[in-house]
Amino acid sequence: MDDHDPDLMRARYAPALQDELAQIAAASDSTRADRAPVTLDQQSVGRLSRMDALQNQAMAAGTEARRATRTRAIQAALTRLDEGEFGWCDECGDPIPLKRLDLDPCATRCVGCAG
């Protein structure tokens, strides 16, 4: 039996990838307000509070950027699943070990080429 059979790969990895996409979307929606512009209200927010708010906004924006990067990686993995290219190293063409894909289904290189 071929461990890298496209149908087996889809059954093994597609549900987890779809679930992670849904979790990322939910997390993004729940933190939308944290990324909103910080308004200047000198009556209710002191200078240090505004600096904290700006820092929190920047951290939320950074987190959202990482979510976007991971979303693109997941979408690319799902495309590879659709095209039957999932689980094969982009560099050497050898199969990526299933244990590596279990850790990160978005991996595009085998251990030797990623190293």
Protein backbone atom coordinates (compact mmCIF):
# COMPACT_ATOMS: atom_id res chain seq x y z
CA MET A 1 0.00 0.00 0.00
CA ASP A 2 1.31 3.45 -0.97
CA ASP A 3 1.44 5.81 2.02
CA HIS A 4 1.32 8.79 -0.36
CA ASP A 5 -1.80 7.74 -2.26
CA PRO A 6 -3.67 11.00 -3.05
CA ASP A 7 -7.00 9.72 -1.71
CA LEU A 8 -5.41 8.55 1.54
CA MET A 9 -3.55 11.84 1.90
CA ARG A 10 -6.78 13.79 1.40
CA ALA A 11 -8.63 11.68 3.96
CA ARG A 12 -5.78 12.02 6.43
CA TYR A 13 -4.97 15.74 6.14
CA ALA A 14 -7.83 17.70 4.55
CA PRO A 15 -10.11 17.68 7.63
CA ALA A 16 -7.35 19.00 9.91
CA LEU A 17 -6.37 21.68 7.40
CA GLN A 18 -9.99 22.80 6.98
CA ASP A 19 -10.44 22.86 10.75
CA GLU A 20 -7.33 25.00 11.20
CA LEU A 21 -8.62 27.43 8.56
CA ALA A 22 -11.89 27.76 10.48
CA GLN A 23 -10.03 28.33 13.76
CA ILE A 24 -7.87 31.03 12.18
CA ALA A 25 -10.94 32.78 10.74
CA ALA A 26 -12.68 32.68 14.12
CA ALA A 27 -9.62 34.04 15.91
CA SER A 28 -9.28 36.79 13.33
CA ASP A 29 -12.92 37.80 13.73
CA SER A 30 -12.67 37.82 17.52
CA THR A 31 -9.69 40.19 17.51
CA ARG A 32 -10.88 42.59 14.80
CA ALA A 33 -11.46 45.38 17.35
CA ASP A 34 -7.90 45.00 18.68
CA ARG A 35 -6.56 45.93 15.24
CA ALA A 36 -8.79 48.99 14.82
CA PRO A 37 -7.15 52.41 14.76
CA VAL A 38 -6.53 53.90 18.17
CA THR A 39 -8.53 57.08 18.58
CA LEU A 40 -7.15 60.16 20.25
CA ASP A 41 -9.36 61.04 23.19
CA GLN A 42 -7.33 63.17 25.57
CA GLN A 43 -10.20 63.38 28.05
CA SER A 44 -10.35 59.68 28.85
CA VAL A 45 -6.99 58.27 27.79
CA GLY A 46 -3.71 59.47 29.18
CA ARG A 47 -0.46 59.49 27.25
CA LEU A 48 0.76 56.16 28.67
CA SER A 49 -2.61 54.52 28.12
CA ARG A 50 -2.52 55.65 24.49
CA MET A 51 1.00 54.23 24.10
CA ASP A 52 -0.23 50.93 25.55
CA ALA A 53 -3.18 50.96 23.16
CA LEU A 54 -0.86 51.59 20.19
CA GLN A 55 1.45 48.79 21.30
CA ASN A 56 -1.49 46.41 21.69
CA GLN A 57 -2.74 47.40 18.23
CA ALA A 58 0.70 46.72 16.72
CA MET A 59 0.90 43.30 18.40
CA ALA A 60 -2.60 42.44 17.16
CA ALA A 61 -1.62 43.48 13.64
CA GLY A 62 1.48 41.28 13.83
CA THR A 63 -0.60 38.35 15.00
CA GLU A 64 -3.01 38.92 12.11
CA ALA A 65 -0.10 38.97 9.65
CA ARG A 66 1.07 35.58 10.98
CA ARG A 67 -2.49 34.28 10.62
CA ALA A 68 -2.56 35.45 7.00
CA THR A 69 0.75 33.70 6.30
CA ARG A 70 -0.52 30.47 7.83
CA THR A 71 -3.80 30.78 5.91
CA ARG A 72 -1.87 31.03 2.64
CA ALA A 73 0.20 27.97 3.59
CA ILE A 74 -2.94 25.97 4.40
CA GLN A 75 -4.63 27.02 1.17
CA ALA A 76 -1.53 25.97 -0.77
CA ALA A 77 -1.54 22.59 1.01
CA LEU A 78 -5.21 22.11 0.12
CA THR A 79 -4.41 22.96 -3.51
CA ARG A 80 -1.60 20.38 -3.49
CA LEU A 81 -4.09 17.85 -2.11
CA ASP A 82 -6.51 18.66 -4.95
CA GLU A 83 -3.77 18.32 -7.55
CA GLY A 84 -2.31 15.09 -6.13
CA GLU A 85 1.00 16.82 -5.34
CA PHE A 86 0.63 16.80 -1.56
CA GLY A 87 3.37 15.09 0.44
CA TRP A 88 6.13 15.36 -2.12
CA CYS A 89 9.25 17.49 -1.62
CA ASP A 90 9.38 20.63 -3.78
CA GLU A 91 13.18 20.40 -3.94
CA CYS A 92 14.06 16.75 -4.61
CA GLY A 93 10.69 15.19 -5.40
CA ASP A 94 10.99 12.51 -2.73
CA PRO A 95 8.06 11.75 -0.44
CA ILE A 96 7.89 13.82 2.73
CA PRO A 97 7.72 11.44 5.72
CA LEU A 98 4.23 11.16 7.18
CA LYS A 99 5.55 11.96 10.65
CA ARG A 100 6.76 15.33 9.33
CA LEU A 101 3.40 15.97 7.66
CA ASP A 102 1.64 14.98 10.88
CA LEU A 103 3.56 17.75 12.66
CA ASP A 104 2.92 20.30 9.90
CA PRO A 105 0.72 19.33 6.97
CA CYS A 106 1.87 22.51 5.22
CA ALA A 107 5.46 21.25 4.92
CA THR A 108 6.72 21.45 1.35
CA ARG A 109 10.18 19.97 1.81
CA CYS A 110 11.58 16.74 3.19
CA VAL A 111 13.86 16.91 6.22
CA GLY A 112 17.02 16.71 4.11
CA CYS A 113 16.05 19.61 1.85
CA ALA A 114 14.57 21.73 4.64
CA GLY A 115 17.71 21.40 6.76
